[in-house]
C-alpha atoms as a PDB file:
ATOM      1  CA  UNK A   1      34.874-133.186 -26.965  1.00  0.00           C
ATOM      2  CA  UNK A   2      32.304-129.854 -28.083  1.00  0.00           C
ATOM      3  CA  UNK A   3      29.562-130.987 -30.454  1.00  0.00           C
ATOM      4  CA  UNK A   4      28.244-127.461 -30.669  1.00  0.00           C
ATOM      5  CA  UNK A   5      28.870-127.158 -34.177  1.00  0.00           C
ATOM      6  CA  UNK A   6      26.744-130.137 -34.773  1.00  0.00           C
ATOM      7  CA  UNK A   7      23.660-128.210 -33.897  1.00  0.00           C
ATOM      8  CA  UNK A   8      24.007-126.589 -36.822  1.00  0.00           C
ATOM      9  CA  UNK A   9      22.261-129.158 -38.877  1.00  0.00           C
ATOM     10  CA  UNK A  10      19.095-128.625 -36.208  1.00  0.00           C
ATOM     11  CA  UNK A  11      18.702-125.031 -37.044  1.00  0.00           C
ATOM     12  CA  UNK A  12      15.811-123.456 -38.586  1.00  0.00           C
ATOM     13  CA  UNK A  13      17.249-120.626 -40.034  1.00  0.00           C
ATOM     14  CA  UNK A  14      14.654-118.073 -40.788  1.00  0.00           C
ATOM     15  CA  UNK A  15      14.172-117.625 -44.913  1.00  0.00           C
ATOM     16  CA  UNK A  16      11.837-115.313 -45.559  1.00  0.00           C
ATOM     17  CA  UNK A  17      11.848-111.509 -45.472  1.00  0.00           C
ATOM     18  CA  UNK A  18       9.138-111.185 -42.840  1.00  0.00           C
ATOM     19  CA  UNK A  19      10.406-114.196 -40.723  1.00  0.00           C
ATOM     20  CA  UNK A  20      13.790-112.782 -40.529  1.00  0.00           C
ATOM     21  CA  UNK A  21      12.404-109.679 -38.520  1.00  0.00           C
ATOM     22  CA  UNK A  22      10.489-111.961 -35.963  1.00  0.00           C
ATOM     23  CA  UNK A  23      12.094-112.765 -32.670  1.00  0.00           C
ATOM     24  CA  UNK A  24      12.172-116.573 -32.042  1.00  0.00           C
ATOM     25  CA  UNK A  25      14.529-119.337 -30.305  1.00  0.00           C
ATOM     26  CA  UNK A  26      16.431-120.937 -33.566  1.00  0.00           C
ATOM     27  CA  UNK A  27      18.047-123.690 -31.370  1.00  0.00           C
ATOM     28  CA  UNK A  28      16.480-125.487 -27.856  1.00  0.00           C
ATOM     29  CA  UNK A  29      18.725-128.013 -26.367  1.00  0.00           C
ATOM     30  CA  UNK A  30      17.167-127.845 -22.857  1.00  0.00           C
ATOM     31  CA  UNK A  31      14.635-130.179 -24.294  1.00  0.00           C
ATOM     32  CA  UNK A  32      17.185-133.150 -24.440  1.00  0.00           C
ATOM     33  CA  UNK A  33      16.217-133.945 -27.998  1.00  0.00           C
ATOM     34  CA  UNK A  34      19.701-133.244 -29.130  1.00  0.00           C
ATOM     35  CA  UNK A  35      22.377-135.630 -27.651  1.00  0.00           C
ATOM     36  CA  UNK A  36      25.414-133.877 -26.003  1.00  0.00           C
ATOM     37  CA  UNK A  37      23.634-130.262 -26.669  1.00  0.00           C
ATOM     38  CA  UNK A  38      20.934-130.155 -23.574  1.00  0.00           C
ATOM     39  CA  UNK A  39      23.327-127.099 -22.215  1.00  0.00           C
ATOM     40  CA  UNK A  40      22.329-124.818 -24.810  1.00  0.00           C
ATOM     41  CA  UNK A  41      19.927-122.758 -26.463  1.00  0.00           C
ATOM     42  CA  UNK A  42      19.982-120.039 -29.553  1.00  0.00           C
ATOM     43  CA  UNK A  43      17.930-116.833 -30.023  1.00  0.00           C
ATOM     44  CA  UNK A  44      17.352-114.777 -32.719  1.00  0.00           C
ATOM     45  CA  UNK A  45      16.556-111.262 -31.366  1.00  0.00           C
ATOM     46  CA  UNK A  46      17.139-109.342 -34.566  1.00  0.00           C
ATOM     47  CA  UNK A  47      19.734-107.945 -35.120  1.00  0.00           C
ATOM     48  CA  UNK A  48      21.177-110.138 -32.064  1.00  0.00           C
ATOM     49  CA  UNK A  49      21.908-113.867 -31.841  1.00  0.00           C
ATOM     50  CA  UNK A  50      21.980-115.133 -28.361  1.00  0.00           C
ATOM     51  CA  UNK A  51      23.925-117.992 -27.282  1.00  0.00           C
ATOM     52  CA  UNK A  52      23.137-119.306 -23.903  1.00  0.00           C
ATOM     53  CA  UNK A  53      24.997-122.015 -22.296  1.00  0.00           C
ATOM     54  CA  UNK A  54      24.201-123.611 -19.291  1.00  0.00           C
ATOM     55  CA  UNK A  55      27.331-125.565 -18.939  1.00  0.00           C
ATOM     56  CA  UNK A  56      30.844-124.048 -19.795  1.00  0.00           C
ATOM     57  CA  UNK A  57      32.420-124.805 -23.443  1.00  0.00           C
ATOM     58  CA  UNK A  58      35.534-123.514 -24.624  1.00  0.00           C
ATOM     59  CA  UNK A  59      35.632-119.679 -26.131  1.00  0.00           C
ATOM     60  CA  UNK A  60      37.104-121.153 -29.075  1.00  0.00           C
ATOM     61  CA  UNK A  61      34.609-123.380 -30.003  1.00  0.00           C
ATOM     62  CA  UNK A  62      31.763-120.658 -29.173  1.00  0.00           C
ATOM     63  CA  UNK A  63      33.724-118.498 -31.640  1.00  0.00           C
ATOM     64  CA  UNK A  64      33.520-121.184 -34.469  1.00  0.00           C
ATOM     65  CA  UNK A  65      30.058-121.460 -34.135  1.00  0.00           C
ATOM     66  CA  UNK A  66      29.555-117.952 -33.856  1.00  0.00           C
ATOM     67  CA  UNK A  67      31.485-117.610 -37.254  1.00  0.00           C
ATOM     68  CA  UNK A  68      29.255-120.531 -38.887  1.00  0.00           C
ATOM     69  CA  UNK A  69      26.212-118.281 -37.443  1.00  0.00           C
ATOM     70  CA  UNK A  70      26.964-115.135 -38.891  1.00  0.00           C
ATOM     71  CA  UNK A  71      27.212-116.765 -42.258  1.00  0.00           C
ATOM     72  CA  UNK A  72      24.003-118.332 -42.182  1.00  0.00           C
ATOM     73  CA  UNK A  73      22.351-115.122 -41.194  1.00  0.00           C
ATOM     74  CA  UNK A  74      24.668-112.101 -42.479  1.00  0.00           C
ATOM     75  CA  UNK A  75      21.951-109.606 -41.346  1.00  0.00           C
ATOM     76  CA  UNK A  76      22.927-110.176 -37.692  1.00  0.00           C
ATOM     77  CA  UNK A  77      24.952-107.285 -36.272  1.00  0.00           C
ATOM     78  CA  UNK A  78      26.018-109.194 -32.628  1.00  0.00           C
ATOM     79  CA  UNK A  79      26.544-112.605 -31.757  1.00  0.00           C
ATOM     80  CA  UNK A  80      26.532-112.550 -27.918  1.00  0.00           C
ATOM     81  CA  UNK A  81      27.154-115.283 -25.062  1.00  0.00           C
ATOM     82  CA  UNK A  82      25.236-115.568 -21.878  1.00  0.00           C
ATOM     83  CA  UNK A  83      26.491-117.693 -19.280  1.00  0.00           C
ATOM     84  CA  UNK A  84      23.300-119.141 -17.581  1.00  0.00           C
ATOM     85  CA  UNK A  85      25.743-121.420 -14.900  1.00  0.00           C
ATOM     86  CA  UNK A  86      26.836-118.341 -13.482  1.00  0.00           C
ATOM     87  CA  UNK A  87      24.285-116.828 -10.979  1.00  0.00           C
ATOM     88  CA  UNK A  88      23.884-113.336 -12.654  1.00  0.00           C
ATOM     89  CA  UNK A  89      24.024-114.894 -16.045  1.00  0.00           C
ATOM     90  CA  UNK A  90      26.573-112.449 -17.724  1.00  0.00           C
ATOM     91  CA  UNK A  91      26.493-111.941 -21.447  1.00  0.00           C
ATOM     92  CA  UNK A  92      29.828-111.215 -23.299  1.00  0.00           C
ATOM     93  CA  UNK A  93      29.842-109.852 -27.028  1.00  0.00           C
ATOM     94  CA  UNK A  94      31.701-112.337 -29.079  1.00  0.00           C
ATOM     95  CA  UNK A  95      31.338-111.151 -32.671  1.00  0.00           C
ATOM     96  CA  UNK A  96      29.903-107.582 -33.705  1.00  0.00           C
ATOM     97  CA  UNK A  97      28.161-105.009 -31.925  1.00  0.00           C
ATOM     98  CA  UNK A  98      27.857-104.563 -28.700  1.00  0.00           C
ATOM     99  CA  UNK A  99      23.998-104.113 -28.373  1.00  0.00           C
ATOM    100  CA  UNK A 100      22.257-103.977 -24.883  1.00  0.00           C
ATOM    101  CA  UNK A 101      18.889-102.495 -25.650  1.00  0.00           C
ATOM    102  CA  UNK A 102      16.632-103.335 -28.534  1.00  0.00           C
ATOM    103  CA  UNK A 103      13.432-103.612 -29.624  1.00  0.00           C
ATOM    104  CA  UNK A 104      11.915-106.652 -31.220  1.00  0.00           C
ATOM    105  CA  UNK A 105       8.777-107.895 -33.234  1.00  0.00           C
ATOM    106  CA  UNK A 106       6.661-110.729 -32.570  1.00  0.00           C
ATOM    107  CA  UNK A 107       3.927-111.290 -34.908  1.00  0.00           C
ATOM    108  CA  UNK A 108       2.069-107.682 -35.011  1.00  0.00           C
ATOM    109  CA  UNK A 109       3.847-106.465 -31.589  1.00  0.00           C
ATOM    110  CA  UNK A 110       6.963-105.054 -30.245  1.00  0.00           C
ATOM    111  CA  UNK A 111       8.766-105.585 -26.879  1.00  0.00           C
ATOM    112  CA  UNK A 112      11.618-104.319 -25.081  1.00  0.00           C
ATOM    113  CA  UNK A 113      14.885-106.463 -24.746  1.00  0.00           C
ATOM    114  CA  UNK A 114      17.552-105.993 -22.375  1.00  0.00           C
ATOM    115  CA  UNK A 115      20.893-107.937 -22.645  1.00  0.00           C
ATOM    116  CA  UNK A 116      23.409-108.071 -19.932  1.00  0.00           C
ATOM    117  CA  UNK A 117      21.364-106.456 -17.128  1.00  0.00           C
ATOM    118  CA  UNK A 118      19.510-109.433 -15.573  1.00  0.00           C
ATOM    119  CA  UNK A 119      19.181-112.839 -16.371  1.00  0.00           C
ATOM    120  CA  UNK A 120      16.247-112.832 -18.519  1.00  0.00           C
ATOM    121  CA  UNK A 121      16.026-110.773 -21.722  1.00  0.00           C
ATOM    122  CA  UNK A 122      12.260-109.611 -21.010  1.00  0.00           C
ATOM    123  CA  UNK A 123      10.526-111.810 -23.202  1.00  0.00           C
ATOM    124  CA  UNK A 124      10.214-115.378 -23.004  1.00  0.00           C
ATOM    125  CA  UNK A 125       9.845-116.784 -26.493  1.00  0.00           C
ATOM    126  CA  UNK A 126       8.377-119.995 -25.514  1.00  0.00           C
ATOM    127  CA  UNK A 127       5.204-118.197 -24.643  1.00  0.00           C
ATOM    128  CA  UNK A 128       4.638-116.672 -28.120  1.00  0.00           C
ATOM    129  CA  UNK A 129       1.931-119.018 -28.986  1.00  0.00           C
ATOM    130  CA  UNK A 130       0.192-117.948 -25.473  1.00  0.00           C
ATOM    131  CA  UNK A 131       0.317-114.377 -26.199  1.00  0.00           C
ATOM    132  CA  UNK A 132      -1.133-115.216 -29.726  1.00  0.00           C
ATOM    133  CA  UNK A 133      -3.827-117.256 -28.115  1.00  0.00           C
ATOM    134  CA  UNK A 134      -4.894-114.434 -25.327  1.00  0.00           C
ATOM    135  CA  UNK A 135      -5.035-111.690 -28.447  1.00  0.00           C
ATOM    136  CA  UNK A 136      -7.194-113.807 -30.063  1.00  0.00           C
ATOM    137  CA  UNK A 137      -9.552-114.755 -26.728  1.00  0.00           C
ATOM    138  CA  UNK A 138      -9.645-111.585 -24.954  1.00  0.00           C
ATOM    139  CA  UNK A 139     -12.535-109.016 -26.593  1.00  0.00           C
ATOM    140  CA  UNK A 140     -14.178-107.486 -24.190  1.00  0.00           C
ATOM    141  CA  UNK A 141     -13.085-109.458 -21.398  1.00  0.00           C
ATOM    142  CA  UNK A 142     -11.464-108.081 -18.021  1.00  0.00           C
ATOM    143  CA  UNK A 143      -8.405-109.896 -17.602  1.00  0.00           C
ATOM    144  CA  UNK A 144      -6.198-110.590 -14.684  1.00  0.00           C
ATOM    145  CA  UNK A 145      -2.487-111.286 -15.476  1.00  0.00           C
ATOM    146  CA  UNK A 146      -0.846-113.175 -12.527  1.00  0.00           C
ATOM    147  CA  UNK A 147       2.933-113.061 -12.525  1.00  0.00           C
ATOM    148  CA  UNK A 148       2.853-110.619 -15.347  1.00  0.00           C
ATOM    149  CA  UNK A 149       6.542-109.871 -15.519  1.00  0.00           C
ATOM    150  CA  UNK A 150       6.827-107.342 -18.187  1.00  0.00           C
ATOM    151  CA  UNK A 151       3.414-107.647 -19.582  1.00  0.00           C
ATOM    152  CA  UNK A 152       3.874-109.374 -22.673  1.00  0.00           C
ATOM    153  CA  UNK A 153       0.257-111.034 -22.044  1.00  0.00           C
ATOM    154  CA  UNK A 154      -1.409-107.446 -21.179  1.00  0.00           C
ATOM    155  CA  UNK A 155       0.198-106.341 -24.412  1.00  0.00           C
ATOM    156  CA  UNK A 156      -1.511-109.166 -26.489  1.00  0.00           C
ATOM    157  CA  UNK A 157      -4.568-108.870 -24.441  1.00  0.00           C
ATOM    158  CA  UNK A 158      -5.166-105.222 -25.076  1.00  0.00           C
ATOM    159  CA  UNK A 159      -4.204-105.669 -28.859  1.00  0.00           C
ATOM    160  CA  UNK A 160      -7.265-108.233 -28.588  1.00  0.00           C
ATOM    161  CA  UNK A 161      -9.743-105.696 -27.567  1.00  0.00           C
ATOM    162  CA  UNK A 162      -9.684-106.489 -23.660  1.00  0.00           C
ATOM    163  CA  UNK A 163     -11.779-104.225 -21.527  1.00  0.00           C
ATOM    164  CA  UNK A 164      -9.200-103.682 -18.918  1.00  0.00           C
ATOM    165  CA  UNK A 165      -5.990-105.780 -17.371  1.00  0.00           C
ATOM    166  CA  UNK A 166      -4.748-106.006 -14.021  1.00  0.00           C
ATOM    167  CA  UNK A 167      -1.274-107.156 -13.838  1.00  0.00           C
ATOM    168  CA  UNK A 168       0.091-108.315 -10.427  1.00  0.00           C
ATOM    169  CA  UNK A 169       3.732-108.919 -10.006  1.00  0.00           C
ATOM    170  CA  UNK A 170       6.593-108.571  -7.151  1.00  0.00           C
ATOM    171  CA  UNK A 171       8.465-106.901  -9.035  1.00  0.00           C
ATOM    172  CA  UNK A 172       8.720-103.147  -9.952  1.00  0.00           C
ATOM    173  CA  UNK A 173      11.633-102.792 -12.627  1.00  0.00           C
ATOM    174  CA  UNK A 174       9.615-105.604 -14.637  1.00  0.00           C
ATOM    175  CA  UNK A 175       6.013-103.840 -14.161  1.00  0.00           C
ATOM    176  CA  UNK A 176       8.007-100.659 -15.471  1.00  0.00           C
ATOM    177  CA  UNK A 177       9.123-102.319 -18.314  1.00  0.00           C
ATOM    178  CA  UNK A 178       5.238-103.243 -18.882  1.00  0.00           C
ATOM    179  CA  UNK A 179       4.295-100.077 -19.014  1.00  0.00           C
ATOM    180  CA  UNK A 180       6.848 -99.109 -21.993  1.00  0.00           C
ATOM    181  CA  UNK A 181       5.826-102.116 -23.711  1.00  0.00           C
ATOM    182  CA  UNK A 182       2.219-100.880 -23.887  1.00  0.00           C
ATOM    183  CA  UNK A 183       3.162 -97.421 -25.047  1.00  0.00           C
ATOM    184  CA  UNK A 184       5.910 -99.203 -27.256  1.00  0.00           C
ATOM    185  CA  UNK A 185       2.863-100.508 -29.127  1.00  0.00           C
ATOM    186  CA  UNK A 186       1.072 -97.135 -28.956  1.00  0.00           C
ATOM    187  CA  UNK A 187      -1.724 -99.009 -26.195  1.00  0.00           C
ATOM    188  CA  UNK A 188      -3.150 -96.415 -23.829  1.00  0.00           C
ATOM    189  CA  UNK A 189      -2.679 -97.223 -20.315  1.00  0.00           C
ATOM    190  CA  UNK A 190      -6.073 -95.929 -19.004  1.00  0.00           C
ATOM    191  CA  UNK A 191      -7.468 -99.982 -19.440  1.00  0.00           C
ATOM    192  CA  UNK A 192      -4.597-101.179 -17.635  1.00  0.00           C
ATOM    193  CA  UNK A 193      -3.523-101.665 -14.023  1.00  0.00           C
ATOM    194  CA  UNK A 194      -0.209-102.416 -12.309  1.00  0.00           C
ATOM    195  CA  UNK A 195       0.107-103.757  -9.207  1.00  0.00           C
ATOM    196  CA  UNK A 196       3.218-104.479  -7.022  1.00  0.00           C
ATOM    197  CA  UNK A 197       1.714-106.869  -4.746  1.00  0.00           C
ATOM    198  CA  UNK A 198       2.482-110.711  -3.298  1.00  0.00           C
ATOM    199  CA  UNK A 199      -0.316-112.345  -4.894  1.00  0.00           C
ATOM    200  CA  UNK A 200      -0.694-114.949  -2.060  1.00  0.00           C
ATOM    201  CA  UNK A 201      -1.608-112.042   0.037  1.00  0.00           C
ATOM    202  CA  UNK A 202      -3.932-110.328  -2.395  1.00  0.00           C
ATOM    203  CA  UNK A 203      -6.980-112.590  -3.228  1.00  0.00           C
ATOM    204  CA  UNK A 204      -9.147-110.371  -1.540  1.00  0.00           C
ATOM    205  CA  UNK A 205      -8.181-107.610  -3.375  1.00  0.00           C
ATOM    206  CA  UNK A 206      -8.575-109.424  -6.723  1.00  0.00           C
ATOM    207  CA  UNK A 207     -12.191-109.948  -5.286  1.00  0.00           C
ATOM    208  CA  UNK A 208     -12.601-106.456  -4.974  1.00  0.00           C
ATOM    209  CA  UNK A 209     -11.461-105.619  -8.549  1.00  0.00           C
ATOM    210  CA  UNK A 210     -13.116-108.621  -9.930  1.00  0.00           C
ATOM    211  CA  UNK A 211     -14.674-110.440 -11.266  1.00  0.00           C
ATOM    212  CA  UNK A 212     -12.611-111.402 -13.813  1.00  0.00           C
ATOM    213  CA  UNK A 213     -13.489-113.414 -17.586  1.00  0.00           C
ATOM    214  CA  UNK A 214      -9.913-114.019 -18.412  1.00  0.00           C
ATOM    215  CA  UNK A 215      -7.024-115.244 -15.985  1.00  0.00           C
ATOM    216  CA  UNK A 216      -3.435-115.606 -17.131  1.00  0.00           C
ATOM    217  CA  UNK A 217      -1.273-117.577 -14.532  1.00  0.00           C
ATOM    218  CA  UNK A 218       2.409-117.990 -15.734  1.00  0.00           C
ATOM    219  CA  UNK A 219       4.182-118.255 -12.438  1.00  0.00           C
ATOM    220  CA  UNK A 220       8.019-118.850 -11.925  1.00  0.00           C
ATOM    221  CA  UNK A 221       9.065-122.214 -10.797  1.00  0.00           C
ATOM    222  CA  UNK A 222      10.778-120.977  -7.702  1.00  0.00           C
ATOM    223  CA  UNK A 223      11.966-118.047  -5.938  1.00  0.00           C
ATOM    224  CA  UNK A 224      13.522-118.214  -2.683  1.00  0.00           C
ATOM    225  CA  UNK A 225      10.957-116.858   0.093  1.00  0.00           C
ATOM    226  CA  UNK A 226       8.208-116.489  -2.050  1.00  0.00           C
ATOM    227  CA  UNK A 227       7.186-118.976  -4.805  1.00  0.00           C
ATOM    228  CA  UNK A 228       7.417-122.602  -4.474  1.00  0.00           C
ATOM    229  CA  UNK A 229       5.027-123.375  -7.459  1.00  0.00           C
ATOM    230  CA  UNK A 230       4.150-127.193  -6.524  1.00  0.00           C
ATOM    231  CA  UNK A 231       3.478-125.785  -3.102  1.00  0.00           C
ATOM    232  CA  UNK A 232       1.849-122.681  -4.317  1.00  0.00           C
ATOM    233  CA  UNK A 233      -0.124-123.282  -7.461  1.00  0.00           C
ATOM    234  CA  UNK A 234      -2.992-124.878  -5.554  1.00  0.00           C
ATOM    235  CA  UNK A 235      -3.591-121.713  -3.313  1.00  0.00           C
ATOM    236  CA  UNK A 236      -4.715-119.985  -6.284  1.00  0.00           C
ATOM    237  CA  UNK A 237      -6.538-122.584  -7.937  1.00  0.00           C
ATOM    238  CA  UNK A 238      -8.683-123.039  -4.730  1.00  0.00           C
ATOM    239  CA  UNK A 239      -9.699-119.503  -4.286  1.00  0.00           C
ATOM    240  CA  UNK A 240     -10.779-118.889  -8.307  1.00  0.00           C
ATOM    241  CA  UNK A 241     -14.786-118.952  -7.343  1.00  0.00           C
ATOM    242  CA  UNK A 242     -13.734-115.520  -5.277  1.00  0.00           C
ATOM    243  CA  UNK A 243     -12.791-113.309  -8.241  1.00  0.00           C
ATOM    244  CA  UNK A 244     -13.349-114.950 -11.699  1.00  0.00           C
ATOM    245  CA  UNK A 245     -16.772-114.649 -13.634  1.00  0.00           C
ATOM    246  CA  UNK A 246     -19.041-117.648 -13.881  1.00  0.00           C
ATOM    247  CA  UNK A 247     -18.183-117.869 -17.451  1.00  0.00           C
ATOM    248  CA  UNK A 248     -15.047-117.109 -17.161  1.00  0.00           C
ATOM    249  CA  UNK A 249     -11.733-118.728 -18.856  1.00  0.00           C
ATOM    250  CA  UNK A 250      -8.014-119.708 -17.651  1.00  0.00           C
ATOM    251  CA  UNK A 251      -4.669-119.896 -19.036  1.00  0.00           C
ATOM    252  CA  UNK A 252      -2.619-121.785 -16.575  1.00  0.00           C
ATOM    253  CA  UNK A 253       1.030-122.435 -17.548  1.00  0.00           C
ATOM    254  CA  UNK A 254       3.496-124.345 -15.698  1.00  0.00           C
ATOM    255  CA  UNK A 255       7.210-124.534 -16.479  1.00  0.00           C
ATOM    256  CA  UNK A 256       8.287-126.747 -14.038  1.00  0.00           C
ATOM    257  CA  UNK A 257      10.307-129.729 -15.432  1.00  0.00           C
ATOM    258  CA  UNK A 258       9.560-132.010 -12.437  1.00  0.00           C
ATOM    259  CA  UNK A 259       5.769-131.198 -13.047  1.00  0.00           C
ATOM    260  CA  UNK A 260       3.828-132.289 -15.636  1.00  0.00           C
ATOM    261  CA  UNK A 261       0.226-131.503 -17.207  1.00  0.00           C
ATOM    262  CA  UNK A 262      -1.405-133.897 -14.968  1.00  0.00           C
ATOM    263  CA  UNK A 263      -0.370-131.765 -11.903  1.00  0.00           C
ATOM    264  CA  UNK A 264      -2.417-129.014 -13.183  1.00  0.00           C
ATOM    265  CA  UNK A 265      -5.144-131.103 -14.249  1.00  0.00           C
ATOM    266  CA  UNK A 266      -5.585-132.876 -11.114  1.00  0.00           C
ATOM    267  CA  UNK A 267      -5.466-129.997  -8.848  1.00  0.00           C
ATOM    268  CA  UNK A 268      -8.351-128.504 -10.997  1.00  0.00           C
ATOM    269  CA  UNK A 269     -10.659-131.528 -10.545  1.00  0.00           C
ATOM    270  CA  UNK A 270      -9.890-131.281  -6.917  1.00  0.00           C
ATOM    271  CA  UNK A 271     -10.324-127.562  -6.166  1.00  0.00           C
ATOM    272  CA  UNK A 272     -12.087-126.255  -9.096  1.00  0.00           C
ATOM    273  CA  UNK A 273     -14.385-128.874 -10.694  1.00  0.00           C
ATOM    274  CA  UNK A 274     -16.302-126.178 -12.346  1.00  0.00           C
ATOM    275  CA  UNK A 275     -13.721-125.870 -15.041  1.00  0.00           C
ATOM    276  CA  UNK A 276     -12.959-128.301 -17.942  1.00  0.00           C
ATOM    277  CA  UNK A 277      -9.747-128.674 -20.101  1.00  0.00           C
ATOM    278  CA  UNK A 278     -10.839-127.264 -23.595  1.00  0.00           C
ATOM    279  CA  UNK A 279      -7.548-126.587 -25.079  1.00  0.00           C
ATOM    280  CA  UNK A 280      -3.426-127.274 -24.577  1.00  0.00           C
ATOM    281  CA  UNK A 281      -1.052-124.817 -26.333  1.00  0.00           C
ATOM    282  CA  UNK A 282       2.345-126.218 -27.780  1.00  0.00           C
ATOM    283  CA  UNK A 283       5.263-124.027 -27.899  1.00  0.00           C
ATOM    284  CA  UNK A 284       6.861-122.871 -31.214  1.00  0.00           C
ATOM    285  CA  UNK A 285       8.259-125.757 -33.696  1.00  0.00           C
ATOM    286  CA  UNK A 286      11.782-124.911 -31.964  1.00  0.00           C
ATOM    287  CA  UNK A 287      10.829-126.145 -28.505  1.00  0.00           C
ATOM    288  CA  UNK A 288      11.536-129.962 -29.486  1.00  0.00           C
ATOM    289  CA  UNK A 289      11.082-132.025 -25.916  1.00  0.00           C
ATOM    290  CA  UNK A 290      12.085-135.600 -25.682  1.00  0.00           C
ATOM    291  CA  UNK A 291      11.041-135.958 -22.245  1.00  0.00           C
ATOM    292  CA  UNK A 292       7.882-133.911 -21.836  1.00  0.00           C
ATOM    293  CA  UNK A 293       9.693-131.606 -19.205  1.00  0.00           C
ATOM    294  CA  UNK A 294       9.069-128.384 -20.988  1.00  0.00           C
ATOM    295  CA  UNK A 295       6.467-125.702 -20.791  1.00  0.00           C
ATOM    296  CA  UNK A 296       2.914-126.865 -20.315  1.00  0.00           C
ATOM    297  CA  UNK A 297       0.066-124.618 -21.074  1.00  0.00           C
ATOM    298  CA  UNK A 298      -3.622-125.418 -20.495  1.00  0.00           C
ATOM    299  CA  UNK A 299      -7.039-123.488 -21.279  1.00  0.00           C
ATOM    300  CA  UNK A 300      -9.725-124.129 -19.098  1.00  0.00           C
ATOM    301  CA  UNK A 301     -13.591-123.109 -19.384  1.00  0.00           C
ATOM    302  CA  UNK A 302     -16.179-122.774 -16.812  1.00  0.00           C
ATOM    303  CA  UNK A 303     -18.984-125.200 -17.360  1.00  0.00           C
END
């Protein structure tokens, strides 16, 4: 029997005018902290509520949940359902308007969101605290943003006064959205470069373009034919000395459930001992993890 409606008691519904305007996760079942609900997440992308299922559920149960969510968030104009258990991750509109493109707010920044076109929306909400950290630590820094995706970190870095940012990713469409995200925030791209490259074949290019003061590395866990992060992360760490400045800072992210924070710490001690761990960032409050398999974000600084 479905337990979808039970998740309502765990929801943190935004209750202030400012909070209601912010993109955020409202329920994170993937952390396995809530019995029987590990297959569902709920995101608030104003004015859209996005329910994501990793295992099929009865449409009647989903519609019942949607009605209850609309009662709790009457400003919602659309409730949508993503089927992540399907390869393309299709999205259906369950209630309200069919909205496929929108702009969301996160703190003082804005980002483009796409629904129903690709599996991911264009903004990973679990990295909100990481973007806040970058904005607070990027003034006058030369920033290298690896696996840049839609350049959320780059937008945060420029907002924080970065001297320059180099965004590297293998996806031209994602980098194009990154350009639009900078324009959306009235940021000139004169200080920002976008390069479609294979990162693991581009260390000499980074050396030529560097040295960099701040590295942001947020790789996918696995992409067939290009990235296996358990195998490939050490390839980046052992080359840091070639393109990072003497007193540089690293923001290293890891979102592989099977790999813990010790994976990064151990490889840093072995391959880049000149850096010491200075801080660990936690994801937003909604991301409750029972087994420690969620996002790990560690900050290192050269000694």
